[in-house]
Amino acid sequence: MSMCAKTGMAMSKQRNLFLQLFAAACMLLAAVSIHAADDFPGGKPDRRIIKMQEKVDSLFEKGDYERAYFIYREELVPLGDKYAQYMVGYMTLVGKGVPGDLIAGSAWYRLAAERGDPAFLQASNEVLRILSDEQREQSDQRYLELRREFSDVMIVAKLIENDLDALDSRIDVASITRDLVGAQYYNKDVLAKENAEAVARVEDRLQFLIETLSKPGLLAVEEINRVDQIESRAYALLQAYKPQN
């Protein structure tokens, strides 16, 4: 078979795949509940985030791809929104709102699939299947770049750090303190409740990080180092909040 014929077959296969991915994107778009369908121990979507999700989906459906891409990529992706990461991957693959890039698109699909969602895994595997060995290596590198910033490990580590900062600032707080934002006074019982909730979140999220790192798959070195750093700080600080006998 001539080189031209092989190239033509590869391009035809790629076009067919993109059509399948478009159909999958439309199906996922219809299932808006997928935004909050997992047990990711991140921050719960508030009303602002939910409205943003609804807005960007509407923009995509109307064909306003540049604005939709910006919101998916800049507003929702950093929150760990896997649907947004999938849509950035899809729009990158087919060149909607952003120049088309097969390698970058495949990396975004892999990031969207990191929690094992069947629909995202299938889409990711379908794209990886058409990559050459060289393209797969390039996809690996782009995927690791994305993980350094947007993986569940990095997002959860930041949430843990926020709770640790709050706990650290309250270790020596007196029994009565002032909330300057709400201009309200809190007593010792309220502080104890807030501290207990923060400690519980930290412990749950640390367990999530440990379990995530134990699973097979590509991990960036920065993720491993970040978890080591967070674990050391968390275990040292949490000792101060353990009940005294």
Protein backbone atom coordinates (compact mmCIF):
# COMPACT_ATOMS: atom_id res chain seq x y z
CA MET A 1 0.00 0.00 0.00
CA SER A 2 1.36 3.43 -0.95
CA MET A 3 2.24 6.05 1.62
CA CYS A 4 -0.56 8.29 0.26
CA ALA A 5 -3.11 5.51 0.69
CA LYS A 6 -1.95 4.87 4.27
CA THR A 7 -2.16 8.58 5.06
CA GLY A 8 -5.63 8.76 3.58
CA MET A 9 -6.81 5.82 5.68
CA ALA A 10 -5.37 7.38 8.82
CA MET A 11 -7.10 10.70 8.11
CA SER A 12 -10.40 8.94 7.41
CA LYS A 13 -10.10 7.01 10.67
CA GLN A 14 -9.38 10.24 12.53
CA ARG A 15 -12.40 12.00 11.00
CA ASN A 16 -14.66 9.09 11.96
CA LEU A 17 -13.31 9.19 15.50
CA PHE A 18 -13.96 12.92 15.78
CA LEU A 19 -17.56 12.38 14.66
CA GLN A 20 -17.96 9.73 17.37
CA LEU A 21 -16.43 12.07 19.94
CA PHE A 22 -18.80 14.83 18.89
CA ALA A 23 -21.75 12.52 19.48
CA ALA A 24 -20.31 11.57 22.87
CA ALA A 25 -19.85 15.25 23.75
CA CYS A 26 -23.48 15.96 22.89
CA MET A 27 -24.66 13.07 25.05
CA LEU A 28 -22.54 14.23 27.98
CA LEU A 29 -23.75 17.79 27.49
CA ALA A 30 -27.32 16.57 27.88
CA ALA A 31 -26.42 14.87 31.15
CA VAL A 32 -25.63 18.04 33.10
CA SER A 33 -25.72 16.10 36.37
CA ILE A 34 -22.36 14.60 35.44
CA HIS A 35 -20.77 17.79 36.87
CA ALA A 36 -21.37 16.55 40.41
CA ALA A 37 -21.70 12.81 39.84
CA ASP A 38 -18.52 11.63 41.56
CA ASP A 39 -17.16 11.37 45.09
CA PHE A 40 -14.21 13.70 44.57
CA PRO A 41 -13.45 15.22 47.99
CA GLY A 42 -13.12 18.72 46.63
CA GLY A 43 -15.12 21.80 47.37
CA LYS A 44 -18.83 21.38 46.71
CA PRO A 45 -20.14 23.46 43.77
CA ASP A 46 -21.90 26.57 45.06
CA ARG A 47 -24.63 28.49 43.29
CA ARG A 48 -22.10 30.61 41.37
CA ILE A 49 -20.30 27.58 40.01
CA ILE A 50 -23.53 25.82 39.05
CA LYS A 51 -24.70 28.92 37.18
CA MET A 52 -21.33 29.09 35.42
CA GLN A 53 -21.65 25.45 34.35
CA GLU A 54 -25.11 26.09 32.97
CA LYS A 55 -23.95 29.24 31.17
CA VAL A 56 -20.96 27.64 29.49
CA ASP A 57 -22.98 24.64 28.34
CA SER A 58 -25.49 27.06 26.80
CA LEU A 59 -22.70 28.99 25.07
CA PHE A 60 -21.33 25.77 23.60
CA GLU A 61 -24.73 24.70 22.33
CA LYS A 62 -25.20 28.11 20.68
CA GLY A 63 -21.85 27.81 18.92
CA ASP A 64 -20.07 30.56 20.89
CA TYR A 65 -17.02 28.36 21.12
CA GLU A 66 -14.37 30.91 22.06
CA ARG A 67 -16.28 32.13 25.12
CA ALA A 68 -17.24 28.57 26.06
CA TYR A 69 -13.63 27.41 25.79
CA PHE A 70 -12.42 30.28 27.97
CA ILE A 71 -14.89 29.47 30.77
CA TYR A 72 -14.24 25.73 30.63
CA ARG A 73 -10.47 26.22 30.61
CA GLU A 74 -9.96 29.19 32.92
CA GLU A 75 -12.88 28.96 35.36
CA LEU A 76 -13.96 25.32 35.72
CA VAL A 77 -10.88 23.23 34.90
CA PRO A 78 -8.91 24.58 37.93
CA LEU A 79 -11.76 23.44 40.21
CA GLY A 80 -11.28 19.81 39.19
CA ASP A 81 -14.42 19.81 37.00
CA LYS A 82 -13.86 16.67 34.93
CA TYR A 83 -16.62 17.49 32.49
CA ALA A 84 -14.95 20.84 31.79
CA GLN A 85 -11.61 19.09 31.29
CA TYR A 86 -13.29 16.69 28.87
CA MET A 87 -14.84 19.57 26.94
CA VAL A 88 -11.50 21.39 26.71
CA GLY A 89 -10.08 18.16 25.30
CA TYR A 90 -12.89 17.78 22.81
CA MET A 91 -12.72 21.40 21.64
CA THR A 92 -8.94 21.10 21.30
CA LEU A 93 -9.23 17.91 19.27
CA VAL A 94 -11.70 19.33 16.75
CA GLY A 95 -10.54 22.96 16.81
CA LYS A 96 -13.61 24.65 18.28
CA GLY A 97 -12.71 27.92 20.01
CA VAL A 98 -9.03 26.98 19.96
CA PRO A 99 -6.59 25.70 17.31
CA GLY A 100 -6.93 21.95 16.78
CA ASP A 101 -4.25 19.84 18.43
CA LEU A 102 -4.49 16.04 18.57
CA ILE A 103 -1.72 15.62 21.15
CA ALA A 104 -3.01 18.31 23.53
CA GLY A 105 -6.58 17.08 23.13
CA SER A 106 -5.58 13.54 24.03
CA ALA A 107 -3.81 14.80 27.16
CA TRP A 108 -6.93 16.66 28.31
CA TYR A 109 -9.01 13.53 27.74
CA ARG A 110 -6.63 11.55 29.89
CA LEU A 111 -6.88 14.12 32.66
CA ALA A 112 -10.69 14.04 32.48
CA ALA A 113 -10.58 10.25 32.83
CA GLU A 114 -8.27 10.08 35.85
CA ARG A 115 -11.11 9.14 38.24
CA GLY A 116 -12.10 6.19 36.08
CA ASP A 117 -15.41 7.51 34.73
CA PRO A 118 -16.42 4.95 32.02
CA ALA A 119 -17.49 7.56 29.44
CA PHE A 120 -14.31 9.59 29.84
CA LEU A 121 -12.12 6.48 29.85
CA GLN A 122 -13.67 5.24 26.63
CA ALA A 123 -13.16 8.59 24.91
CA SER A 124 -9.56 8.79 26.14
CA ASN A 125 -8.76 5.25 25.00
CA GLU A 126 -10.31 5.85 21.57
CA VAL A 127 -8.05 8.85 20.99
CA LEU A 128 -4.93 7.11 22.29
CA ARG A 129 -5.63 4.21 19.94
CA ILE A 130 -5.04 6.32 16.84
CA LEU A 131 -1.77 7.85 18.07
CA SER A 132 1.56 6.64 16.79
CA ASP A 133 4.26 5.62 19.28
CA GLU A 134 5.90 9.03 18.91
CA GLN A 135 2.59 10.83 19.40
CA ARG A 136 1.86 8.70 22.46
CA GLU A 137 5.14 9.81 24.02
CA GLN A 138 4.25 13.42 23.28
CA SER A 139 0.81 12.85 24.80
CA ASP A 140 2.47 11.43 27.93
CA GLN A 141 4.51 14.59 28.34
CA ARG A 142 1.54 16.91 27.81
CA TYR A 143 -0.52 14.85 30.24
CA LEU A 144 2.17 15.15 32.92
CA GLU A 145 2.28 18.91 32.36
CA LEU A 146 -1.46 19.08 32.97
CA ARG A 147 -1.21 16.89 36.07
CA ARG A 148 1.33 19.27 37.61
CA GLU A 149 -1.37 21.93 37.68
CA PHE A 150 -4.82 20.34 37.44
CA SER A 151 -4.68 16.77 38.70
CA ASP A 152 -6.91 15.73 41.58
CA VAL A 153 -3.78 15.33 43.69
CA MET A 154 -2.71 18.94 43.22
CA ILE A 155 -6.23 20.34 43.66
CA VAL A 156 -6.92 18.37 46.85
CA ALA A 157 -3.48 19.21 48.22
CA LYS A 158 -4.32 22.90 47.88
CA LEU A 159 -7.65 22.40 49.68
CA ILE A 160 -5.84 20.62 52.52
CA GLU A 161 -3.34 23.45 52.72
CA ASN A 162 -6.18 25.98 53.05
CA ASP A 163 -7.63 24.05 56.00
CA LEU A 164 -4.19 23.68 57.57
CA ASP A 165 -3.62 27.43 57.31
CA ALA A 166 -6.93 28.05 59.08
CA LEU A 167 -6.19 25.49 61.80
CA ASP A 168 -2.70 26.84 62.29
CA SER A 169 -4.02 30.37 62.77
CA ARG A 170 -6.50 29.19 65.43
CA ILE A 171 -4.22 27.17 67.67
CA ASP A 172 -3.65 30.04 70.09
CA VAL A 173 -7.00 31.75 69.62
CA ALA A 174 -8.76 32.73 72.84
CA SER A 175 -12.15 31.28 73.71
CA ILE A 176 -13.86 34.39 72.34
CA THR A 177 -12.80 35.76 68.95
CA ARG A 178 -14.19 38.05 66.31
CA ASP A 179 -15.08 37.20 62.75
CA LEU A 180 -14.19 40.45 60.98
CA VAL A 181 -15.94 39.45 57.76
CA GLY A 182 -19.30 38.69 59.30
CA ALA A 183 -18.92 41.07 62.25
CA GLN A 184 -20.14 38.26 64.54
CA TYR A 185 -18.76 36.85 67.75
CA TYR A 186 -18.06 33.15 68.08
CA ASN A 187 -17.65 31.26 71.29
CA LYS A 188 -15.42 28.34 72.13
CA ASP A 189 -18.02 25.71 71.18
CA VAL A 190 -18.46 27.15 67.69
CA LEU A 191 -14.70 27.28 67.16
CA ALA A 192 -14.37 23.70 68.34
CA LYS A 193 -17.02 22.61 65.84
CA GLU A 194 -15.31 24.45 62.96
CA ASN A 195 -11.97 22.97 63.93
CA ALA A 196 -13.40 19.45 64.11
CA GLU A 197 -14.93 19.83 60.64
CA ALA A 198 -11.63 21.09 59.23
CA VAL A 199 -9.72 18.22 60.84
CA ALA A 200 -12.18 15.70 59.39
CA ARG A 201 -11.81 17.22 55.91
CA VAL A 202 -8.03 17.11 56.15
CA GLU A 203 -8.03 13.46 57.24
CA ASP A 204 -10.47 12.42 54.48
CA ARG A 205 -8.54 14.28 51.81
CA LEU A 206 -5.20 12.90 52.98
CA GLN A 207 -6.64 9.41 52.64
CA PHE A 208 -7.81 10.29 49.12
CA LEU A 209 -4.29 11.45 48.20
CA ILE A 210 -2.69 8.30 49.56
CA GLU A 211 -5.14 6.08 47.67
CA THR A 212 -4.68 8.06 44.47
CA LEU A 213 -0.91 7.79 44.59
CA SER A 214 -1.15 4.03 45.12
CA LYS A 215 -3.06 3.48 41.86
CA PRO A 216 -1.17 2.57 38.67
CA GLY A 217 -0.70 5.30 36.09
CA LEU A 218 1.43 8.28 35.19
CA LEU A 219 2.21 10.69 38.02
CA ALA A 220 4.28 13.85 37.93
CA VAL A 221 7.19 13.96 40.37
CA GLU A 222 5.77 17.25 41.63
CA GLU A 223 2.60 15.45 42.76
CA ILE A 224 4.52 12.97 44.88
CA ASN A 225 6.63 15.71 46.43
CA ARG A 226 3.54 17.82 47.12
CA VAL A 227 1.82 15.00 48.96
CA ASP A 228 4.94 14.30 51.04
CA GLN A 229 5.07 17.96 52.01
CA ILE A 230 1.38 18.16 52.87
CA GLU A 231 1.44 14.89 54.86
CA SER A 232 4.33 16.03 57.02
CA ARG A 233 2.69 19.34 57.84
CA ALA A 234 -0.76 17.85 58.37
CA TYR A 235 0.26 15.10 60.77
CA ALA A 236 2.33 17.53 62.83
CA LEU A 237 -0.47 20.09 63.05
CA LEU A 238 -3.29 17.62 63.67
CA GLN A 239 -1.55 16.43 66.82
CA ALA A 240 -2.43 19.80 68.38
CA TYR A 241 -6.11 19.13 67.76
CA LYS A 242 -6.28 15.61 69.12
CA PRO A 243 -8.42 15.31 72.27
CA GLN A 244 -6.32 15.59 75.41
CA ASN A 245 -6.67 12.70 77.88
